[in-house]
Amino acid sequence: MIPATFDYIRPASLDEACHVLRDAGDSGDDVKVLAGGQSLLPLLRLRLAYPSALVDLGRLPGLRGVEDRGDHVFIGALTTHDEVLRSPVVREHVPLVAMATATVADPAVRHRGTFGGSLAHADPAGDLPAVALALDCVFIARSAEGEREIPAAEFFTDYLETALRPGEVLIGVRAPKLGADWGFHYEKFTRTAQAWAIVGVAAAVRSEGGDIAEARIGLTNMGPTPLRAQVAEEALRGLGVAHGNGGGPAPGSAPGSAPDGARDPVRDACGQAAEGASPPSDLHARPDYRAHLARVLTYRAVRAASA
């Protein structure tokens, strides 16, 4: 299909972009921000979005790149997925970001799509929002009035909606370095290769003396926004990671059973991953199937992360 008519604006600086967006918000115009365009352009073609104007940030200086800033890694909003994936700083200090980025679409999309654009698009089926929640990332927004920090837990507010205010632009994300006692894994189930996740799980696990001292679990496509599996996180605290065999449940087995018939406390805890979620129903999966996937994938992700 052909997109509806819109004005095209390419600001020369970030300050100009912020003023353009602020003026548009004051006038009530529907203006969209264009970065890599890999999420927005399909919506325009299908006329699921029909803004009055596009503000193209793709060539603005200073919003691209990965920096090691001591206790955290800063990823510029216009950094492409491919640049994130190839960054040695990301792979060393925030490997969960690299794991999830490697599953984003295909190489062509990863060379054009941007890290910040994917997060600001706020698709609950996207891979990176759940990772940002699991890592407790901080989003840096810029407006004509200055910069503002938004914790990941407050950033995603509804389906395709964020806490960004009219006139604000996401300029980058701070991803904390969690240390050598943390393990990470991203588990994703898709209908076909390169497709959106039917369910995804981002797990970060801190171990102490063979026990799970802390677990952070972000869920993909289990509601209108990405969410943390807080019930499962609390249930995992203090459990020994040596329990269980590290694999997925056998077909037809009970959620808490192990192959030898013994109970697996880790699997029991992960069986609560869907508590409080509102999984959607669509052509790919019903809510009960997504809830089942969340339990199974959480177990796999936690076992891999704690290994």
C-alpha atoms as a PDB file:
ATOM      1  CA  MET A   1       0.000   0.000   0.000  1.00  0.00           C
ATOM      2  CA  ILE A   2       0.972   3.653  -0.295  1.00  0.00           C
ATOM      3  CA  PRO A   3       1.374   5.773   2.859  1.00  0.00           C
ATOM      4  CA  ALA A   4      -0.866   8.752   3.463  1.00  0.00           C
ATOM      5  CA  THR A   5       0.555  12.181   2.644  1.00  0.00           C
ATOM      6  CA  PHE A   6       2.842  13.737   5.263  1.00  0.00           C
ATOM      7  CA  ASP A   7       5.396  16.521   5.568  1.00  0.00           C
ATOM      8  CA  TYR A   8       9.048  15.523   5.780  1.00  0.00           C
ATOM      9  CA  ILE A   9      11.345  17.425   8.130  1.00  0.00           C
ATOM     10  CA  ARG A  10      15.081  16.813   8.511  1.00  0.00           C
ATOM     11  CA  PRO A  11      16.443  19.000  11.340  1.00  0.00           C
ATOM     12  CA  ALA A  12      20.105  19.947  11.261  1.00  0.00           C
ATOM     13  CA  SER A  13      20.630  19.568  15.010  1.00  0.00           C
ATOM     14  CA  LEU A  14      19.131  17.883  18.041  1.00  0.00           C
ATOM     15  CA  ASP A  15      18.041  21.262  19.443  1.00  0.00           C
ATOM     16  CA  GLU A  16      16.172  22.013  16.238  1.00  0.00           C
ATOM     17  CA  ALA A  17      14.506  18.586  16.342  1.00  0.00           C
ATOM     18  CA  CYS A  18      13.359  19.171  19.931  1.00  0.00           C
ATOM     19  CA  HIS A  19      11.873  22.571  19.047  1.00  0.00           C
ATOM     20  CA  VAL A  20      10.094  21.126  15.999  1.00  0.00           C
ATOM     21  CA  LEU A  21       8.574  18.359  18.106  1.00  0.00           C
ATOM     22  CA  ARG A  22       7.602  20.771  20.891  1.00  0.00           C
ATOM     23  CA  ASP A  23       5.871  23.115  18.446  1.00  0.00           C
ATOM     24  CA  ALA A  24       4.051  20.182  16.871  1.00  0.00           C
ATOM     25  CA  GLY A  25       2.870  19.022  20.278  1.00  0.00           C
ATOM     26  CA  ASP A  26       1.643  22.508  21.163  1.00  0.00           C
ATOM     27  CA  SER A  27      -0.345  22.674  17.931  1.00  0.00           C
ATOM     28  CA  GLY A  28      -1.827  19.204  18.337  1.00  0.00           C
ATOM     29  CA  ASP A  29      -0.217  17.795  15.192  1.00  0.00           C
ATOM     30  CA  ASP A  30       0.544  14.087  15.011  1.00  0.00           C
ATOM     31  CA  VAL A  31       4.275  13.954  14.330  1.00  0.00           C
ATOM     32  CA  LYS A  32       6.381  10.792  14.233  1.00  0.00           C
ATOM     33  CA  VAL A  33      10.123  10.515  14.734  1.00  0.00           C
ATOM     34  CA  LEU A  34      12.023   8.581  12.063  1.00  0.00           C
ATOM     35  CA  ALA A  35      15.325   6.870  12.911  1.00  0.00           C
ATOM     36  CA  GLY A  36      16.085   3.638  11.033  1.00  0.00           C
ATOM     37  CA  GLY A  37      12.466   3.275   9.959  1.00  0.00           C
ATOM     38  CA  GLN A  38      12.339  -0.521  10.190  1.00  0.00           C
ATOM     39  CA  SER A  39       9.348  -0.424  12.557  1.00  0.00           C
ATOM     40  CA  LEU A  40       7.673   2.791  11.451  1.00  0.00           C
ATOM     41  CA  LEU A  41       7.717   2.415   7.665  1.00  0.00           C
ATOM     42  CA  PRO A  42       5.635  -0.807   7.615  1.00  0.00           C
ATOM     43  CA  LEU A  43       3.008   0.949   9.757  1.00  0.00           C
ATOM     44  CA  LEU A  44       2.932   3.842   7.299  1.00  0.00           C
ATOM     45  CA  ARG A  45       2.593   1.556   4.302  1.00  0.00           C
ATOM     46  CA  LEU A  46      -0.303  -0.298   5.917  1.00  0.00           C
ATOM     47  CA  ARG A  47      -1.816   3.033   7.043  1.00  0.00           C
ATOM     48  CA  LEU A  48      -1.840   1.866  10.623  1.00  0.00           C
ATOM     49  CA  ALA A  49      -0.110   5.185  11.297  1.00  0.00           C
ATOM     50  CA  TYR A  50      -0.785   8.358   9.329  1.00  0.00           C
ATOM     51  CA  PRO A  51       1.116  11.264  10.893  1.00  0.00           C
ATOM     52  CA  SER A  52       0.956  14.784   9.552  1.00  0.00           C
ATOM     53  CA  ALA A  53       4.761  14.964   9.525  1.00  0.00           C
ATOM     54  CA  LEU A  54       7.900  12.867   9.915  1.00  0.00           C
ATOM     55  CA  VAL A  55      10.932  14.282  11.718  1.00  0.00           C
ATOM     56  CA  ASP A  56      13.991  12.453  10.395  1.00  0.00           C
ATOM     57  CA  LEU A  57      16.744  12.131  13.014  1.00  0.00           C
ATOM     58  CA  GLY A  58      18.784   9.604  11.047  1.00  0.00           C
ATOM     59  CA  ARG A  59      21.700  11.917  10.238  1.00  0.00           C
ATOM     60  CA  LEU A  60      21.960  13.893  13.454  1.00  0.00           C
ATOM     61  CA  PRO A  61      25.481  13.852  14.929  1.00  0.00           C
ATOM     62  CA  GLY A  62      26.271  12.652  18.425  1.00  0.00           C
ATOM     63  CA  LEU A  63      23.496  10.067  18.824  1.00  0.00           C
ATOM     64  CA  ARG A  64      25.385   7.051  17.550  1.00  0.00           C
ATOM     65  CA  GLY A  65      27.927   4.785  19.180  1.00  0.00           C
ATOM     66  CA  VAL A  66      28.698   2.677  22.257  1.00  0.00           C
ATOM     67  CA  GLU A  67      30.706   4.051  25.188  1.00  0.00           C
ATOM     68  CA  ASP A  68      32.172   2.399  28.276  1.00  0.00           C
ATOM     69  CA  ARG A  69      31.410   4.870  31.081  1.00  0.00           C
ATOM     70  CA  GLY A  70      32.763   3.048  34.091  1.00  0.00           C
ATOM     71  CA  ASP A  71      29.800   1.573  35.922  1.00  0.00           C
ATOM     72  CA  HIS A  72      27.578   1.439  32.840  1.00  0.00           C
ATOM     73  CA  VAL A  73      27.568   1.206  29.062  1.00  0.00           C
ATOM     74  CA  PHE A  74      25.964   4.063  27.147  1.00  0.00           C
ATOM     75  CA  ILE A  75      24.357   3.154  23.822  1.00  0.00           C
ATOM     76  CA  GLY A  76      23.367   6.038  21.572  1.00  0.00           C
ATOM     77  CA  ALA A  77      19.824   5.945  20.267  1.00  0.00           C
ATOM     78  CA  LEU A  78      20.875   5.940  16.587  1.00  0.00           C
ATOM     79  CA  THR A  79      23.318   3.070  17.006  1.00  0.00           C
ATOM     80  CA  THR A  80      22.230   0.312  14.632  1.00  0.00           C
ATOM     81  CA  HIS A  81      21.512  -3.198  15.844  1.00  0.00           C
ATOM     82  CA  ASP A  82      24.481  -4.423  13.835  1.00  0.00           C
ATOM     83  CA  GLU A  83      26.798  -1.930  15.539  1.00  0.00           C
ATOM     84  CA  VAL A  84      25.500  -3.009  18.944  1.00  0.00           C
ATOM     85  CA  LEU A  85      25.989  -6.660  18.056  1.00  0.00           C
ATOM     86  CA  ARG A  86      29.581  -6.118  16.898  1.00  0.00           C
ATOM     87  CA  SER A  87      30.597  -3.918  19.823  1.00  0.00           C
ATOM     88  CA  PRO A  88      33.206  -5.601  22.077  1.00  0.00           C
ATOM     89  CA  VAL A  89      32.077  -3.320  24.926  1.00  0.00           C
ATOM     90  CA  VAL A  90      28.507  -4.632  24.667  1.00  0.00           C
ATOM     91  CA  ARG A  91      29.597  -8.250  24.379  1.00  0.00           C
ATOM     92  CA  GLU A  92      31.864  -7.981  27.424  1.00  0.00           C
ATOM     93  CA  HIS A  93      29.836  -5.835  29.811  1.00  0.00           C
ATOM     94  CA  VAL A  94      26.161  -6.203  28.792  1.00  0.00           C
ATOM     95  CA  PRO A  95      26.056  -9.559  26.978  1.00  0.00           C
ATOM     96  CA  LEU A  96      22.289  -9.866  27.417  1.00  0.00           C
ATOM     97  CA  VAL A  97      21.886  -6.934  25.018  1.00  0.00           C
ATOM     98  CA  ALA A  98      24.039  -8.717  22.447  1.00  0.00           C
ATOM     99  CA  MET A  99      22.152 -12.002  22.896  1.00  0.00           C
ATOM    100  CA  ALA A 100      18.784 -10.385  22.247  1.00  0.00           C
ATOM    101  CA  THR A 101      20.037  -8.147  19.436  1.00  0.00           C
ATOM    102  CA  ALA A 102      21.301 -11.207  17.572  1.00  0.00           C
ATOM    103  CA  THR A 103      17.685 -12.436  17.338  1.00  0.00           C
ATOM    104  CA  VAL A 104      16.264  -9.176  15.933  1.00  0.00           C
ATOM    105  CA  ALA A 105      14.803  -9.826  12.466  1.00  0.00           C
ATOM    106  CA  ASP A 106      17.529 -10.413   9.846  1.00  0.00           C
ATOM    107  CA  PRO A 107      20.891  -8.835   8.874  1.00  0.00           C
ATOM    108  CA  ALA A 108      19.266  -6.352   6.478  1.00  0.00           C
ATOM    109  CA  VAL A 109      16.995  -5.001   9.217  1.00  0.00           C
ATOM    110  CA  ARG A 110      19.805  -5.006  11.779  1.00  0.00           C
ATOM    111  CA  HIS A 111      21.950  -2.841   9.489  1.00  0.00           C
ATOM    112  CA  ARG A 112      19.208  -0.173   9.259  1.00  0.00           C
ATOM    113  CA  GLY A 113      17.185  -0.499  12.452  1.00  0.00           C
ATOM    114  CA  THR A 114      18.367   1.427  15.501  1.00  0.00           C
ATOM    115  CA  PHE A 115      18.674   0.485  19.150  1.00  0.00           C
ATOM    116  CA  GLY A 116      16.812   3.560  20.386  1.00  0.00           C
ATOM    117  CA  GLY A 117      14.188   3.393  17.672  1.00  0.00           C
ATOM    118  CA  SER A 118      13.272  -0.158  18.617  1.00  0.00           C
ATOM    119  CA  LEU A 119      12.898   0.786  22.286  1.00  0.00           C
ATOM    120  CA  ALA A 120      10.953   3.986  21.601  1.00  0.00           C
ATOM    121  CA  HIS A 121       8.615   2.064  19.288  1.00  0.00           C
ATOM    122  CA  ALA A 122       7.688   0.041  22.405  1.00  0.00           C
ATOM    123  CA  ASP A 123       6.325  -3.021  20.639  1.00  0.00           C
ATOM    124  CA  PRO A 124       5.735  -5.622  23.379  1.00  0.00           C
ATOM    125  CA  ALA A 125       6.744  -8.304  20.862  1.00  0.00           C
ATOM    126  CA  GLY A 126      10.113  -6.616  20.336  1.00  0.00           C
ATOM    127  CA  ASP A 127      13.161  -8.240  21.879  1.00  0.00           C
ATOM    128  CA  LEU A 128      14.956  -5.268  23.434  1.00  0.00           C
ATOM    129  CA  PRO A 129      12.296  -3.808  25.784  1.00  0.00           C
ATOM    130  CA  ALA A 130      12.284  -6.931  27.988  1.00  0.00           C
ATOM    131  CA  VAL A 131      16.080  -6.808  28.106  1.00  0.00           C
ATOM    132  CA  ALA A 132      15.995  -3.170  29.220  1.00  0.00           C
ATOM    133  CA  LEU A 133      13.652  -4.157  32.051  1.00  0.00           C
ATOM    134  CA  ALA A 134      15.782  -7.090  33.155  1.00  0.00           C
ATOM    135  CA  LEU A 135      18.921  -4.941  33.253  1.00  0.00           C
ATOM    136  CA  ASP A 136      17.206  -1.963  34.922  1.00  0.00           C
ATOM    137  CA  CYS A 137      18.383   0.321  32.141  1.00  0.00           C
ATOM    138  CA  VAL A 138      17.900   4.077  32.273  1.00  0.00           C
ATOM    139  CA  PHE A 139      16.567   5.974  29.253  1.00  0.00           C
ATOM    140  CA  ILE A 140      17.910   9.462  28.549  1.00  0.00           C
ATOM    141  CA  ALA A 141      15.393  11.824  26.932  1.00  0.00           C
ATOM    142  CA  ARG A 142      16.179  15.281  25.565  1.00  0.00           C
ATOM    143  CA  SER A 143      13.805  18.190  25.015  1.00  0.00           C
ATOM    144  CA  ALA A 144      14.104  21.926  24.482  1.00  0.00           C
ATOM    145  CA  GLU A 145      14.079  22.246  28.292  1.00  0.00           C
ATOM    146  CA  GLY A 146      16.977  19.833  28.888  1.00  0.00           C
ATOM    147  CA  GLU A 147      17.608  16.158  29.634  1.00  0.00           C
ATOM    148  CA  ARG A 148      15.548  13.754  31.726  1.00  0.00           C
ATOM    149  CA  GLU A 149      16.242  10.257  33.025  1.00  0.00           C
ATOM    150  CA  ILE A 150      13.519   7.610  32.808  1.00  0.00           C
ATOM    151  CA  PRO A 151      13.976   4.199  34.493  1.00  0.00           C
ATOM    152  CA  ALA A 152      13.091   1.278  32.266  1.00  0.00           C
ATOM    153  CA  ALA A 153      10.361   0.239  34.726  1.00  0.00           C
ATOM    154  CA  GLU A 154       8.571   3.542  34.002  1.00  0.00           C
ATOM    155  CA  PHE A 155       9.324   3.901  30.293  1.00  0.00           C
ATOM    156  CA  PHE A 156       6.797   1.514  28.708  1.00  0.00           C
ATOM    157  CA  THR A 157       3.297   2.725  29.545  1.00  0.00           C
ATOM    158  CA  ASP A 158       0.929   0.970  27.093  1.00  0.00           C
ATOM    159  CA  TYR A 159       0.830  -0.737  23.714  1.00  0.00           C
ATOM    160  CA  LEU A 160       3.260   1.217  21.463  1.00  0.00           C
ATOM    161  CA  GLU A 161       3.306   4.014  24.047  1.00  0.00           C
ATOM    162  CA  THR A 162       6.111   5.304  26.262  1.00  0.00           C
ATOM    163  CA  ALA A 163       6.732   7.899  28.940  1.00  0.00           C
ATOM    164  CA  LEU A 164       8.365  10.224  26.392  1.00  0.00           C
ATOM    165  CA  ARG A 165       6.615  13.571  26.520  1.00  0.00           C
ATOM    166  CA  PRO A 166       5.680  15.694  23.498  1.00  0.00           C
ATOM    167  CA  GLY A 167       8.861  17.379  22.327  1.00  0.00           C
ATOM    168  CA  GLU A 168      11.183  14.757  23.852  1.00  0.00           C
ATOM    169  CA  VAL A 169      13.643  12.611  21.924  1.00  0.00           C
ATOM    170  CA  LEU A 170      15.308   9.463  23.204  1.00  0.00           C
ATOM    171  CA  ILE A 171      19.037  10.124  22.836  1.00  0.00           C
ATOM    172  CA  GLY A 172      20.494   7.039  24.492  1.00  0.00           C
ATOM    173  CA  VAL A 173      20.279   4.281  27.072  1.00  0.00           C
ATOM    174  CA  ARG A 174      22.450   3.524  30.102  1.00  0.00           C
ATOM    175  CA  ALA A 175      22.886  -0.213  30.652  1.00  0.00           C
ATOM    176  CA  PRO A 176      24.462  -1.037  34.063  1.00  0.00           C
ATOM    177  CA  LYS A 177      27.405  -3.400  34.326  1.00  0.00           C
ATOM    178  CA  LEU A 178      26.240  -6.134  36.667  1.00  0.00           C
ATOM    179  CA  GLY A 179      29.527  -7.882  37.434  1.00  0.00           C
ATOM    180  CA  ALA A 180      31.112 -11.293  37.161  1.00  0.00           C
ATOM    181  CA  ASP A 181      28.667 -13.012  39.532  1.00  0.00           C
ATOM    182  CA  TRP A 182      25.813 -12.433  37.096  1.00  0.00           C
ATOM    183  CA  GLY A 183      24.809 -14.741  34.265  1.00  0.00           C
ATOM    184  CA  PHE A 184      22.562 -13.891  31.307  1.00  0.00           C
ATOM    185  CA  HIS A 185      20.437 -15.565  28.690  1.00  0.00           C
ATOM    186  CA  TYR A 186      17.745 -14.610  26.179  1.00  0.00           C
ATOM    187  CA  GLU A 187      15.318 -17.335  25.140  1.00  0.00           C
ATOM    188  CA  LYS A 188      12.907 -16.721  22.271  1.00  0.00           C
ATOM    189  CA  PHE A 189      10.183 -18.814  20.635  1.00  0.00           C
ATOM    190  CA  THR A 190       9.074 -17.849  17.135  1.00  0.00           C
ATOM    191  CA  ARG A 191       6.770 -19.343  14.538  1.00  0.00           C
ATOM    192  CA  THR A 192       9.387 -18.959  11.817  1.00  0.00           C
ATOM    193  CA  ALA A 193      12.964 -17.743  11.688  1.00  0.00           C
ATOM    194  CA  GLN A 194      13.321 -13.930  11.795  1.00  0.00           C
ATOM    195  CA  ALA A 195       9.722 -13.494  12.993  1.00  0.00           C
ATOM    196  CA  TRP A 196       8.470 -11.571  15.995  1.00  0.00           C
ATOM    197  CA  ALA A 197       8.674 -13.471  19.271  1.00  0.00           C
ATOM    198  CA  ILE A 198       5.558 -15.342  20.245  1.00  0.00           C
ATOM    199  CA  VAL A 199       7.124 -15.233  23.700  1.00  0.00           C
ATOM    200  CA  GLY A 200      10.608 -14.235  24.768  1.00  0.00           C
ATOM    201  CA  VAL A 201      12.406 -14.285  28.118  1.00  0.00           C
ATOM    202  CA  ALA A 202      15.387 -12.166  29.157  1.00  0.00           C
ATOM    203  CA  ALA A 203      17.028 -13.567  32.290  1.00  0.00           C
ATOM    204  CA  ALA A 204      19.760 -12.107  34.492  1.00  0.00           C
ATOM    205  CA  VAL A 205      20.759 -14.258  37.464  1.00  0.00           C
ATOM    206  CA  ARG A 206      23.220 -13.503  40.280  1.00  0.00           C
ATOM    207  CA  SER A 207      24.602 -16.536  42.067  1.00  0.00           C
ATOM    208  CA  GLU A 208      26.219 -16.799  45.500  1.00  0.00           C
ATOM    209  CA  GLY A 209      27.686 -20.043  46.786  1.00  0.00           C
ATOM    210  CA  GLY A 210      25.667 -22.152  44.377  1.00  0.00           C
ATOM    211  CA  ASP A 211      22.366 -20.409  45.180  1.00  0.00           C
ATOM    212  CA  ILE A 212      20.341 -17.862  43.235  1.00  0.00           C
ATOM    213  CA  ALA A 213      20.801 -14.627  45.160  1.00  0.00           C
ATOM    214  CA  GLU A 214      18.805 -12.522  42.719  1.00  0.00           C
ATOM    215  CA  ALA A 215      16.930 -13.084  39.461  1.00  0.00           C
ATOM    216  CA  ARG A 216      15.576 -10.554  37.005  1.00  0.00           C
ATOM    217  CA  ILE A 217      13.241 -11.838  34.315  1.00  0.00           C
ATOM    218  CA  GLY A 218      11.843  -9.698  31.496  1.00  0.00           C
ATOM    219  CA  LEU A 219       8.976 -11.094  29.407  1.00  0.00           C
ATOM    220  CA  THR A 220       8.389 -10.363  25.732  1.00  0.00           C
ATOM    221  CA  ASN A 221       4.869 -10.413  24.239  1.00  0.00           C
ATOM    222  CA  MET A 222       3.072 -11.328  27.448  1.00  0.00           C
ATOM    223  CA  GLY A 223       0.943  -8.183  27.654  1.00  0.00           C
ATOM    224  CA  PRO A 224       0.450  -4.708  26.161  1.00  0.00           C
ATOM    225  CA  THR A 225       3.898  -3.783  27.502  1.00  0.00           C
ATOM    226  CA  PRO A 226       7.022  -5.770  28.337  1.00  0.00           C
ATOM    227  CA  LEU A 227       6.968  -6.810  31.979  1.00  0.00           C
ATOM    228  CA  ARG A 228       8.983  -8.345  34.774  1.00  0.00           C
ATOM    229  CA  ALA A 229       8.028 -11.783  36.093  1.00  0.00           C
ATOM    230  CA  GLN A 230       8.152 -10.557  39.674  1.00  0.00           C
ATOM    231  CA  VAL A 231       6.441 -13.551  41.276  1.00  0.00           C
ATOM    232  CA  ALA A 232       8.916 -15.945  39.693  1.00  0.00           C
ATOM    233  CA  GLU A 233      11.823 -13.657  40.570  1.00  0.00           C
ATOM    234  CA  GLU A 234      10.915 -13.728  44.234  1.00  0.00           C
ATOM    235  CA  ALA A 235      10.299 -17.470  44.196  1.00  0.00           C
ATOM    236  CA  LEU A 236      13.754 -18.107  42.725  1.00  0.00           C
ATOM    237  CA  ARG A 237      15.589 -16.179  45.416  1.00  0.00           C
ATOM    238  CA  GLY A 238      17.716 -18.496  47.543  1.00  0.00           C
ATOM    239  CA  LEU A 239      17.193 -21.657  45.469  1.00  0.00           C
ATOM    240  CA  GLY A 240      20.166 -23.862  44.674  1.00  0.00           C
ATOM    241  CA  VAL A 241      21.095 -23.729  41.003  1.00  0.00           C
ATOM    242  CA  ALA A 242      22.343 -27.323  41.128  1.00  0.00           C
ATOM    243  CA  HIS A 243      18.765 -28.637  41.152  1.00  0.00           C
ATOM    244  CA  GLY A 244      17.330 -30.065  37.949  1.00  0.00           C
ATOM    245  CA  ASN A 245      18.982 -31.239  34.750  1.00  0.00           C
ATOM    246  CA  GLY A 246      19.131 -27.876  32.916  1.00  0.00           C
ATOM    247  CA  GLY A 247      16.855 -28.896  30.069  1.00  0.00           C
ATOM    248  CA  GLY A 248      13.270 -28.129  29.212  1.00  0.00           C
ATOM    249  CA  PRO A 249      10.422 -30.177  30.630  1.00  0.00           C
ATOM    250  CA  ALA A 250       9.691 -33.498  29.044  1.00  0.00           C
ATOM    251  CA  PRO A 251       6.562 -33.569  26.841  1.00  0.00           C
ATOM    252  CA  GLY A 252       3.505 -33.992  29.017  1.00  0.00           C
ATOM    253  CA  SER A 253       5.418 -33.625  32.294  1.00  0.00           C
ATOM    254  CA  ALA A 254       4.052 -31.622  35.201  1.00  0.00           C
ATOM    255  CA  PRO A 255       5.476 -28.100  35.652  1.00  0.00           C
ATOM    256  CA  GLY A 256       7.485 -29.052  38.738  1.00  0.00           C
ATOM    257  CA  SER A 257       8.583 -32.553  37.835  1.00  0.00           C
ATOM    258  CA  ALA A 258      12.080 -33.687  36.951  1.00  0.00           C
ATOM    259  CA  PRO A 259      12.905 -36.629  34.662  1.00  0.00           C
ATOM    260  CA  ASP A 260      13.684 -38.891  37.629  1.00  0.00           C
ATOM    261  CA  GLY A 261      10.463 -37.961  39.412  1.00  0.00           C
ATOM    262  CA  ALA A 262      12.127 -35.663  41.944  1.00  0.00           C
ATOM    263  CA  ARG A 263      10.814 -32.170  42.457  1.00  0.00           C
ATOM    264  CA  ASP A 264      12.798 -29.349  40.891  1.00  0.00           C
ATOM    265  CA  PRO A 265      12.359 -26.158  42.968  1.00  0.00           C
ATOM    266  CA  VAL A 266      13.810 -23.990  40.199  1.00  0.00           C
ATOM    267  CA  ARG A 267      11.245 -25.283  37.721  1.00  0.00           C
ATOM    268  CA  ASP A 268       8.488 -24.798  40.298  1.00  0.00           C
ATOM    269  CA  ALA A 269       9.529 -21.164  40.728  1.00  0.00           C
ATOM    270  CA  CYS A 270       9.739 -20.575  36.970  1.00  0.00           C
ATOM    271  CA  GLY A 271       6.271 -22.081  36.693  1.00  0.00           C
ATOM    272  CA  GLN A 272       5.003 -18.808  38.183  1.00  0.00           C
ATOM    273  CA  ALA A 273       6.459 -16.674  35.382  1.00  0.00           C
ATOM    274  CA  ALA A 274       3.063 -15.902  33.843  1.00  0.00           C
ATOM    275  CA  GLU A 275       1.497 -14.723  37.106  1.00  0.00           C
ATOM    276  CA  GLY A 276       0.080 -11.227  36.668  1.00  0.00           C
ATOM    277  CA  ALA A 277       0.604 -11.225  32.881  1.00  0.00           C
ATOM    278  CA  SER A 278      -2.088 -10.539  30.276  1.00  0.00           C
ATOM    279  CA  PRO A 279      -0.860 -12.444  27.219  1.00  0.00           C
ATOM    280  CA  PRO A 280      -2.554 -11.459  23.970  1.00  0.00           C
ATOM    281  CA  SER A 281      -4.520 -13.725  21.660  1.00  0.00           C
ATOM    282  CA  ASP A 282      -3.780 -13.555  17.945  1.00  0.00           C
ATOM    283  CA  LEU A 283      -3.268 -15.742  14.872  1.00  0.00           C
ATOM    284  CA  HIS A 284      -0.074 -17.182  16.330  1.00  0.00           C
ATOM    285  CA  ALA A 285      -1.045 -18.156  19.872  1.00  0.00           C
ATOM    286  CA  ARG A 286      -3.780 -18.110  22.484  1.00  0.00           C
ATOM    287  CA  PRO A 287      -3.170 -16.670  25.952  1.00  0.00           C
ATOM    288  CA  ASP A 288      -2.942 -20.076  27.636  1.00  0.00           C
ATOM    289  CA  TYR A 289      -0.316 -21.227  25.135  1.00  0.00           C
ATOM    290  CA  ARG A 290       1.714 -18.073  25.690  1.00  0.00           C
ATOM    291  CA  ALA A 291       1.502 -18.600  29.439  1.00  0.00           C
ATOM    292  CA  HIS A 292       2.815 -22.132  28.978  1.00  0.00           C
ATOM    293  CA  LEU A 293       5.667 -20.842  26.804  1.00  0.00           C
ATOM    294  CA  ALA A 294       6.541 -18.236  29.425  1.00  0.00           C
ATOM    295  CA  ARG A 295       6.910 -20.937  32.066  1.00  0.00           C
ATOM    296  CA  VAL A 296       8.999 -23.224  29.876  1.00  0.00           C
ATOM    297  CA  LEU A 297      11.220 -20.504  28.403  1.00  0.00           C
ATOM    298  CA  THR A 298      11.783 -18.897  31.792  1.00  0.00           C
ATOM    299  CA  TYR A 299      13.054 -22.173  33.156  1.00  0.00           C
ATOM    300  CA  ARG A 300      15.408 -22.618  30.201  1.00  0.00           C
ATOM    301  CA  ALA A 301      16.650 -19.024  30.412  1.00  0.00           C
ATOM    302  CA  VAL A 302      17.216 -19.167  34.183  1.00  0.00           C
ATOM    303  CA  ARG A 303      19.043 -22.483  33.963  1.00  0.00           C
ATOM    304  CA  ALA A 304      21.285 -21.177  31.173  1.00  0.00           C
ATOM    305  CA  ALA A 305      21.946 -17.887  32.964  1.00  0.00           C
ATOM    306  CA  SER A 306      22.742 -19.573  36.286  1.00  0.00           C
ATOM    307  CA  ALA A 307      25.087 -22.063  34.613  1.00  0.00           C
END
